[in-house]
């Protein structure tokens, strides 16, 4: 009954780290339509372009090519077939 009580140990504060900055832009080539060769403005594919991965390779298609071949794209045919 003569047990000593010790106050609970306080956890050490976490290390202060610098907040992550904005991601560095990759040194990538500009995005070009795999079908007609149209280049995307701004160096990245617009939200209206389609990205398809065929045999492990990414292919981007512009608005016009995507509209023209939408049935083949939805049918998951490789772009070689259209």
PDB file of N, CA and C in Angstrom:
ATOM      1  N   UNK A   1       0.806  -1.187   0.000  1.00  0.00           N
ATOM      2  CA  UNK A   1       0.000   0.000   0.000  1.00  0.00           C
ATOM      3  C   UNK A   1       0.852   1.255   0.000  1.00  0.00           C
ATOM      4  N   UNK A   2       2.111   1.055   0.127  1.00  0.00           N
ATOM      5  CA  UNK A   2       3.014   2.186   0.051  1.00  0.00           C
ATOM      6  C   UNK A   2       3.524   2.358  -1.378  1.00  0.00           C
ATOM      7  N   UNK A   3       2.678   2.136  -2.364  1.00  0.00           N
ATOM      8  CA  UNK A   3       3.103   2.249  -3.761  1.00  0.00           C
ATOM      9  C   UNK A   3       3.237   3.718  -4.126  1.00  0.00           C
ATOM     10  N   UNK A   4       4.313   4.004  -4.815  1.00  0.00           N
ATOM     11  CA  UNK A   4       4.513   5.383  -5.262  1.00  0.00           C
ATOM     12  C   UNK A   4       3.803   5.554  -6.599  1.00  0.00           C
ATOM     13  N   UNK A   5       3.202   6.645  -6.779  1.00  0.00           N
ATOM     14  CA  UNK A   5       2.563   6.939  -8.060  1.00  0.00           C
ATOM     15  C   UNK A   5       3.426   7.950  -8.792  1.00  0.00           C
ATOM     16  N   UNK A   6       3.660   7.680 -10.039  1.00  0.00           N
ATOM     17  CA  UNK A   6       4.465   8.569 -10.877  1.00  0.00           C
ATOM     18  C   UNK A   6       3.538   9.208 -11.899  1.00  0.00           C
ATOM     19  N   UNK A   7       3.787  10.471 -12.191  1.00  0.00           N
ATOM     20  CA  UNK A   7       2.947  11.087 -13.233  1.00  0.00           C
ATOM     21  C   UNK A   7       3.226  10.407 -14.577  1.00  0.00           C
ATOM     22  N   UNK A   8       2.217  10.327 -15.442  1.00  0.00           N
ATOM     23  CA  UNK A   8       2.434   9.680 -16.746  1.00  0.00           C
ATOM     24  C   UNK A   8       3.480  10.462 -17.533  1.00  0.00           C
ATOM     25  N   UNK A   9       4.289   9.727 -18.277  1.00  0.00           N
ATOM     26  CA  UNK A   9       5.324  10.370 -19.089  1.00  0.00           C
ATOM     27  C   UNK A   9       4.674  11.091 -20.260  1.00  0.00           C
ATOM     28  N   UNK A  10       5.166  12.265 -20.528  1.00  0.00           N
ATOM     29  CA  UNK A  10       4.660  13.051 -21.641  1.00  0.00           C
ATOM     30  C   UNK A  10       5.384  12.616 -22.913  1.00  0.00           C
ATOM     31  N   UNK A  11       4.649  12.383 -23.974  1.00  0.00           N
ATOM     32  CA  UNK A  11       5.330  12.013 -25.227  1.00  0.00           C
ATOM     33  C   UNK A  11       6.126  13.206 -25.741  1.00  0.00           C
ATOM     34  N   UNK A  12       7.225  12.897 -26.400  1.00  0.00           N
ATOM     35  CA  UNK A  12       8.048  13.967 -26.959  1.00  0.00           C
ATOM     36  C   UNK A  12       7.315  14.575 -28.147  1.00  0.00           C
ATOM     37  N   UNK A  13       7.447  15.891 -28.329  1.00  0.00           N
ATOM     38  CA  UNK A  13       6.772  16.511 -29.474  1.00  0.00           C
ATOM     39  C   UNK A  13       7.365  15.986 -30.779  1.00  0.00           C
ATOM     40  N   UNK A  14       6.521  15.846 -31.812  1.00  0.00           N
ATOM     41  CA  UNK A  14       7.045  15.356 -33.096  1.00  0.00           C
ATOM     42  C   UNK A  14       8.037  16.368 -33.668  1.00  0.00           C
ATOM     43  N   UNK A  15       8.943  15.846 -34.475  1.00  0.00           N
ATOM     44  CA  UNK A  15       9.931  16.723 -35.104  1.00  0.00           C
ATOM     45  C   UNK A  15       9.220  17.725 -36.004  1.00  0.00           C
ATOM     46  N   UNK A  16       9.700  18.927 -35.959  1.00  0.00           N
ATOM     47  CA  UNK A  16       9.137  19.964 -36.817  1.00  0.00           C
ATOM     48  C   UNK A  16       9.762  19.827 -38.198  1.00  0.00           C
ATOM     49  N   UNK A  17       8.944  19.588 -39.166  1.00  0.00           N
ATOM     50  CA  UNK A  17       9.420  19.453 -40.543  1.00  0.00           C
ATOM     51  C   UNK A  17       8.883  20.612 -41.353  1.00  0.00           C
ATOM     52  N   UNK A  18       9.644  20.946 -42.358  1.00  0.00           N
ATOM     53  CA  UNK A  18       9.174  22.012 -43.249  1.00  0.00           C
ATOM     54  C   UNK A  18       8.022  21.457 -44.070  1.00  0.00           C
ATOM     55  N   UNK A  19       6.984  22.274 -44.298  1.00  0.00           N
ATOM     56  CA  UNK A  19       5.881  21.785 -45.139  1.00  0.00           C
ATOM     57  C   UNK A  19       6.386  21.549 -46.557  1.00  0.00           C
ATOM     58  N   UNK A  20       5.839  20.544 -47.211  1.00  0.00           N
ATOM     59  CA  UNK A  20       6.292  20.276 -48.577  1.00  0.00           C
ATOM     60  C   UNK A  20       5.921  21.433 -49.491  1.00  0.00           C
ATOM     61  N   UNK A  21       6.821  21.763 -50.362  1.00  0.00           N
ATOM     62  CA  UNK A  21       6.574  22.834 -51.326  1.00  0.00           C
ATOM     63  C   UNK A  21       5.794  22.288 -52.504  1.00  0.00           C
ATOM     64  N   UNK A  22       5.517  23.138 -53.468  1.00  0.00           N
ATOM     65  CA  UNK A  22       4.795  22.659 -54.657  1.00  0.00           C
ATOM     66  C   UNK A  22       5.660  21.651 -55.398  1.00  0.00           C
ATOM     67  N   UNK A  23       5.020  20.665 -56.023  1.00  0.00           N
ATOM     68  CA  UNK A  23       5.805  19.667 -56.750  1.00  0.00           C
ATOM     69  C   UNK A  23       6.539  20.310 -57.913  1.00  0.00           C
ATOM     70  N   UNK A  24       7.746  19.815 -58.131  1.00  0.00           N
ATOM     71  CA  UNK A  24       8.513  20.342 -59.249  1.00  0.00           C
ATOM     72  C   UNK A  24       7.961  19.764 -60.543  1.00  0.00           C
ATOM     73  N   UNK A  25       7.815  20.597 -61.574  1.00  0.00           N
ATOM     74  CA  UNK A  25       7.280  20.079 -62.830  1.00  0.00           C
ATOM     75  C   UNK A  25       8.274  19.105 -63.451  1.00  0.00           C
ATOM     76  N   UNK A  26       7.784  17.987 -63.948  1.00  0.00           N
ATOM     77  CA  UNK A  26       8.696  17.030 -64.586  1.00  0.00           C
ATOM     78  C   UNK A  26       9.215  17.589 -65.903  1.00  0.00           C
ATOM     79  N   UNK A  27      10.381  17.181 -66.258  1.00  0.00           N
ATOM     80  CA  UNK A  27      10.950  17.613 -67.541  1.00  0.00           C
ATOM     81  C   UNK A  27      10.421  16.703 -68.635  1.00  0.00           C
ATOM     82  N   UNK A  28       9.143  16.812 -68.883  1.00  0.00           N
ATOM     83  CA  UNK A  28       8.489  15.942 -69.851  1.00  0.00           C
ATOM     84  C   UNK A  28       8.328  16.670 -71.180  1.00  0.00           C
ATOM     85  N   UNK A  29       8.192  15.873 -72.198  1.00  0.00           N
ATOM     86  CA  UNK A  29       7.944  16.430 -73.521  1.00  0.00           C
ATOM     87  C   UNK A  29       6.500  16.906 -73.586  1.00  0.00           C
ATOM     88  N   UNK A  30       6.187  17.842 -74.473  1.00  0.00           N
ATOM     89  CA  UNK A  30       4.789  18.291 -74.590  1.00  0.00           C
ATOM     90  C   UNK A  30       3.901  17.135 -75.053  1.00  0.00           C
ATOM     91  N   UNK A  31       2.651  17.199 -74.647  1.00  0.00           N
ATOM     92  CA  UNK A  31       1.699  16.145 -74.991  1.00  0.00           C
ATOM     93  C   UNK A  31       1.234  16.346 -76.428  1.00  0.00           C
ATOM     94  N   UNK A  32       1.301  15.260 -77.200  1.00  0.00           N
ATOM     95  CA  UNK A  32       0.944  15.305 -78.623  1.00  0.00           C
ATOM     96  C   UNK A  32      -0.072  14.203 -78.887  1.00  0.00           C
ATOM     97  N   UNK A  33      -1.069  14.498 -79.713  1.00  0.00           N
ATOM     98  CA  UNK A  33      -2.074  13.511 -80.083  1.00  0.00           C
ATOM     99  C   UNK A  33      -1.406  12.378 -80.852  1.00  0.00           C
ATOM    100  N   UNK A  34      -1.655  11.144 -80.427  1.00  0.00           N
ATOM    101  CA  UNK A  34      -1.044   9.978 -81.053  1.00  0.00           C
ATOM    102  C   UNK A  34      -1.637   9.698 -82.433  1.00  0.00           C
ATOM    103  N   UNK A  35      -2.761  10.310 -82.727  1.00  0.00           N
ATOM    104  CA  UNK A  35      -3.426  10.047 -84.007  1.00  0.00           C
ATOM    105  C   UNK A  35      -3.079  11.097 -85.067  1.00  0.00           C
ATOM    106  N   UNK A  36      -3.260  12.377 -84.735  1.00  0.00           N
ATOM    107  CA  UNK A  36      -3.075  13.428 -85.747  1.00  0.00           C
ATOM    108  C   UNK A  36      -1.844  14.288 -85.504  1.00  0.00           C
ATOM    109  N   UNK A  37      -1.229  14.193 -84.322  1.00  0.00           N
ATOM    110  CA  UNK A  37      -0.018  14.959 -84.044  1.00  0.00           C
ATOM    111  C   UNK A  37      -0.260  16.349 -83.496  1.00  0.00           C
ATOM    112  N   UNK A  38      -1.506  16.689 -83.175  1.00  0.00           N
ATOM    113  CA  UNK A  38      -1.790  18.010 -82.607  1.00  0.00           C
ATOM    114  C   UNK A  38      -1.134  18.120 -81.235  1.00  0.00           C
ATOM    115  N   UNK A  39      -0.499  19.255 -80.958  1.00  0.00           N
ATOM    116  CA  UNK A  39       0.173  19.467 -79.674  1.00  0.00           C
ATOM    117  C   UNK A  39      -0.772  20.171 -78.711  1.00  0.00           C
ATOM    118  N   UNK A  40      -0.751  19.738 -77.462  1.00  0.00           N
ATOM    119  CA  UNK A  40      -1.575  20.363 -76.431  1.00  0.00           C
ATOM    120  C   UNK A  40      -0.898  21.644 -75.966  1.00  0.00           C
ATOM    121  N   UNK A  41      -1.695  22.665 -75.728  1.00  0.00           N
ATOM    122  CA  UNK A  41      -1.155  23.922 -75.226  1.00  0.00           C
ATOM    123  C   UNK A  41      -0.852  23.785 -73.744  1.00  0.00           C
ATOM    124  N   UNK A  42       0.200  24.416 -73.294  1.00  0.00           N
ATOM    125  CA  UNK A  42       0.523  24.419 -71.871  1.00  0.00           C
ATOM    126  C   UNK A  42       1.356  23.238 -71.415  1.00  0.00           C
ATOM    127  N   UNK A  43       1.722  22.324 -72.289  1.00  0.00           N
ATOM    128  CA  UNK A  43       2.595  21.232 -71.916  1.00  0.00           C
ATOM    129  C   UNK A  43       1.936  20.062 -71.225  1.00  0.00           C
ATOM    130  N   UNK A  44       0.638  20.128 -70.939  1.00  0.00           N
ATOM    131  CA  UNK A  44      -0.050  18.983 -70.353  1.00  0.00           C
ATOM    132  C   UNK A  44      -1.363  18.779 -71.099  1.00  0.00           C
ATOM    133  N   UNK A  45      -1.874  17.566 -71.025  1.00  0.00           N
ATOM    134  CA  UNK A  45      -3.101  17.240 -71.748  1.00  0.00           C
ATOM    135  C   UNK A  45      -4.290  17.942 -71.114  1.00  0.00           C
ATOM    136  N   UNK A  46      -5.112  18.615 -71.918  1.00  0.00           N
ATOM    137  CA  UNK A  46      -6.330  19.214 -71.380  1.00  0.00           C
ATOM    138  C   UNK A  46      -7.274  18.137 -70.858  1.00  0.00           C
ATOM    139  N   UNK A  47      -8.190  18.535 -70.024  1.00  0.00           N
ATOM    140  CA  UNK A  47      -9.141  17.585 -69.430  1.00  0.00           C
ATOM    141  C   UNK A  47     -10.025  16.928 -70.487  1.00  0.00           C
ATOM    142  N   UNK A  48     -10.153  17.535 -71.647  1.00  0.00           N
ATOM    143  CA  UNK A  48     -11.020  16.988 -72.688  1.00  0.00           C
ATOM    144  C   UNK A  48     -10.314  15.962 -73.572  1.00  0.00           C
ATOM    145  N   UNK A  49      -9.002  15.826 -73.425  1.00  0.00           N
ATOM    146  CA  UNK A  49      -8.265  14.822 -74.193  1.00  0.00           C
ATOM    147  C   UNK A  49      -8.432  13.467 -73.531  1.00  0.00           C
ATOM    148  N   UNK A  50      -8.250  12.398 -74.299  1.00  0.00           N
ATOM    149  CA  UNK A  50      -8.366  11.040 -73.783  1.00  0.00           C
ATOM    150  C   UNK A  50      -6.967  10.447 -73.662  1.00  0.00           C
ATOM    151  N   UNK A  51      -6.753   9.731 -72.573  1.00  0.00           N
ATOM    152  CA  UNK A  51      -5.495   9.019 -72.358  1.00  0.00           C
ATOM    153  C   UNK A  51      -5.790   7.532 -72.403  1.00  0.00           C
ATOM    154  N   UNK A  52      -5.044   6.805 -73.202  1.00  0.00           N
ATOM    155  CA  UNK A  52      -5.222   5.369 -73.329  1.00  0.00           C
ATOM    156  C   UNK A  52      -3.874   4.691 -73.096  1.00  0.00           C
ATOM    157  N   UNK A  53      -3.873   3.606 -72.346  1.00  0.00           N
ATOM    158  CA  UNK A  53      -2.650   2.836 -72.133  1.00  0.00           C
ATOM    159  C   UNK A  53      -2.759   1.568 -72.959  1.00  0.00           C
ATOM    160  N   UNK A  54      -1.868   1.439 -73.923  1.00  0.00           N
ATOM    161  CA  UNK A  54      -1.866   0.284 -74.815  1.00  0.00           C
ATOM    162  C   UNK A  54      -0.487  -0.359 -74.752  1.00  0.00           C
ATOM    163  N   UNK A  55      -0.444  -1.616 -74.382  1.00  0.00           N
ATOM    164  CA  UNK A  55       0.814  -2.349 -74.250  1.00  0.00           C
ATOM    165  C   UNK A  55       1.802  -1.628 -73.343  1.00  0.00           C
ATOM    166  N   UNK A  56       1.273  -1.030 -72.271  1.00  0.00           N
ATOM    167  CA  UNK A  56       2.121  -0.356 -71.292  1.00  0.00           C
ATOM    168  C   UNK A  56       2.592   1.025 -71.702  1.00  0.00           C
ATOM    169  N   UNK A  57       2.113   1.541 -72.819  1.00  0.00           N
ATOM    170  CA  UNK A  57       2.514   2.862 -73.309  1.00  0.00           C
ATOM    171  C   UNK A  57       1.300   3.779 -73.283  1.00  0.00           C
ATOM    172  N   UNK A  58       1.499   4.981 -72.757  1.00  0.00           N
ATOM    173  CA  UNK A  58       0.420   5.964 -72.700  1.00  0.00           C
ATOM    174  C   UNK A  58       0.274   6.681 -74.041  1.00  0.00           C
ATOM    175  N   UNK A  59      -0.962   6.761 -74.522  1.00  0.00           N
ATOM    176  CA  UNK A  59      -1.276   7.485 -75.759  1.00  0.00           C
ATOM    177  C   UNK A  59      -2.336   8.526 -75.426  1.00  0.00           C
ATOM    178  N   UNK A  60      -2.153   9.725 -75.929  1.00  0.00           N
ATOM    179  CA  UNK A  60      -3.131  10.796 -75.745  1.00  0.00           C
ATOM    180  C   UNK A  60      -3.789  11.078 -77.081  1.00  0.00           C
ATOM    181  N   UNK A  61      -5.109  11.354 -77.032  1.00  0.00           N
ATOM    182  CA  UNK A  61      -5.862  11.666 -78.239  1.00  0.00           C
ATOM    183  C   UNK A  61      -6.604  12.972 -78.034  1.00  0.00           C
ATOM    184  N   UNK A  62      -6.523  13.867 -79.017  1.00  0.00           N
ATOM    185  CA  UNK A  62      -7.163  15.181 -78.933  1.00  0.00           C
ATOM    186  C   UNK A  62      -8.681  15.044 -79.033  1.00  0.00           C
ATOM    187  N   UNK A  63      -9.358  16.163 -78.847  1.00  0.00           N
ATOM    188  CA  UNK A  63     -10.832  16.175 -78.892  1.00  0.00           C
ATOM    189  C   UNK A  63     -11.374  15.636 -80.216  1.00  0.00           C
ATOM    190  N   UNK A  64     -10.814  16.131 -81.318  1.00  0.00           N
ATOM    191  CA  UNK A  64     -11.337  15.747 -82.631  1.00  0.00           C
ATOM    192  C   UNK A  64     -11.155  14.256 -82.907  1.00  0.00           C
ATOM    193  N   UNK A  65      -9.964  13.736 -82.628  1.00  0.00           N
ATOM    194  CA  UNK A  65      -9.718  12.308 -82.864  1.00  0.00           C
ATOM    195  C   UNK A  65     -10.560  11.445 -81.925  1.00  0.00           C
ATOM    196  N   UNK A  66     -10.724  11.889 -80.697  1.00  0.00           N
ATOM    197  CA  UNK A  66     -11.529  11.134 -79.737  1.00  0.00           C
ATOM    198  C   UNK A  66     -12.987  11.077 -80.189  1.00  0.00           C
ATOM    199  N   UNK A  67     -13.512  12.214 -80.673  1.00  0.00           N
ATOM    200  CA  UNK A  67     -14.905  12.229 -81.146  1.00  0.00           C
ATOM    201  C   UNK A  67     -15.085  11.326 -82.354  1.00  0.00           C
ATOM    202  N   UNK A  68     -14.117  11.370 -83.255  1.00  0.00           N
ATOM    203  CA  UNK A  68     -14.216  10.590 -84.486  1.00  0.00           C
ATOM    204  C   UNK A  68     -14.183   9.076 -84.210  1.00  0.00           C
ATOM    205  N   UNK A  69     -13.457   8.663 -83.186  1.00  0.00           N
ATOM    206  CA  UNK A  69     -13.260   7.236 -82.925  1.00  0.00           C
ATOM    207  C   UNK A  69     -13.822   6.796 -81.569  1.00  0.00           C
ATOM    208  N   UNK A  70     -14.835   7.490 -81.081  1.00  0.00           N
ATOM    209  CA  UNK A  70     -15.358   7.215 -79.746  1.00  0.00           C
ATOM    210  C   UNK A  70     -15.877   5.783 -79.593  1.00  0.00           C
ATOM    211  N   UNK A  71     -16.518   5.242 -80.617  1.00  0.00           N
ATOM    212  CA  UNK A  71     -17.044   3.871 -80.515  1.00  0.00           C
ATOM    213  C   UNK A  71     -15.908   2.856 -80.380  1.00  0.00           C
ATOM    214  N   UNK A  72     -14.840   3.054 -81.102  1.00  0.00           N
ATOM    215  CA  UNK A  72     -13.697   2.149 -80.992  1.00  0.00           C
ATOM    216  C   UNK A  72     -13.023   2.288 -79.636  1.00  0.00           C
ATOM    217  N   UNK A  73     -12.973   3.508 -79.128  1.00  0.00           N
ATOM    218  CA  UNK A  73     -12.365   3.745 -77.816  1.00  0.00           C
ATOM    219  C   UNK A  73     -13.198   3.081 -76.734  1.00  0.00           C
ATOM    220  N   UNK A  74     -14.515   3.260 -76.795  1.00  0.00           N
ATOM    221  CA  UNK A  74     -15.392   2.648 -75.801  1.00  0.00           C
ATOM    222  C   UNK A  74     -15.378   1.126 -75.914  1.00  0.00           C
ATOM    223  N   UNK A  75     -15.147   0.608 -77.115  1.00  0.00           N
ATOM    224  CA  UNK A  75     -15.050  -0.837 -77.319  1.00  0.00           C
ATOM    225  C   UNK A  75     -13.686  -1.387 -76.931  1.00  0.00           C
ATOM    226  N   UNK A  76     -12.816  -0.514 -76.434  1.00  0.00           N
ATOM    227  CA  UNK A  76     -11.472  -0.886 -75.977  1.00  0.00           C
ATOM    228  C   UNK A  76     -10.608  -1.494 -77.074  1.00  0.00           C
ATOM    229  N   UNK A  77     -10.809  -1.046 -78.304  1.00  0.00           N
ATOM    230  CA  UNK A  77      -9.953  -1.491 -79.393  1.00  0.00           C
ATOM    231  C   UNK A  77      -8.646  -0.690 -79.353  1.00  0.00           C
ATOM    232  N   UNK A  78      -7.543  -1.358 -79.622  1.00  0.00           N
ATOM    233  CA  UNK A  78      -6.278  -0.639 -79.710  1.00  0.00           C
ATOM    234  C   UNK A  78      -6.365   0.359 -80.858  1.00  0.00           C
ATOM    235  N   UNK A  79      -5.618   1.455 -80.722  1.00  0.00           N
ATOM    236  CA  UNK A  79      -5.677   2.497 -81.752  1.00  0.00           C
ATOM    237  C   UNK A  79      -5.172   1.998 -83.100  1.00  0.00           C
ATOM    238  N   UNK A  80      -4.410   0.903 -83.131  1.00  0.00           N
ATOM    239  CA  UNK A  80      -3.970   0.330 -84.418  1.00  0.00           C
ATOM    240  C   UNK A  80      -5.152  -0.124 -85.259  1.00  0.00           C
ATOM    241  N   UNK A  81      -6.268  -0.472 -84.611  1.00  0.00           N
ATOM    242  CA  UNK A  81      -7.432  -0.978 -85.322  1.00  0.00           C
ATOM    243  C   UNK A  81      -8.286   0.138 -85.900  1.00  0.00           C
ATOM    244  N   UNK A  82      -8.164   1.363 -85.423  1.00  0.00           N
ATOM    245  CA  UNK A  82      -8.979   2.417 -85.980  1.00  0.00           C
ATOM    246  C   UNK A  82      -8.143   3.286 -86.813  1.00  0.00           C
TER     247      UNK A  82
END
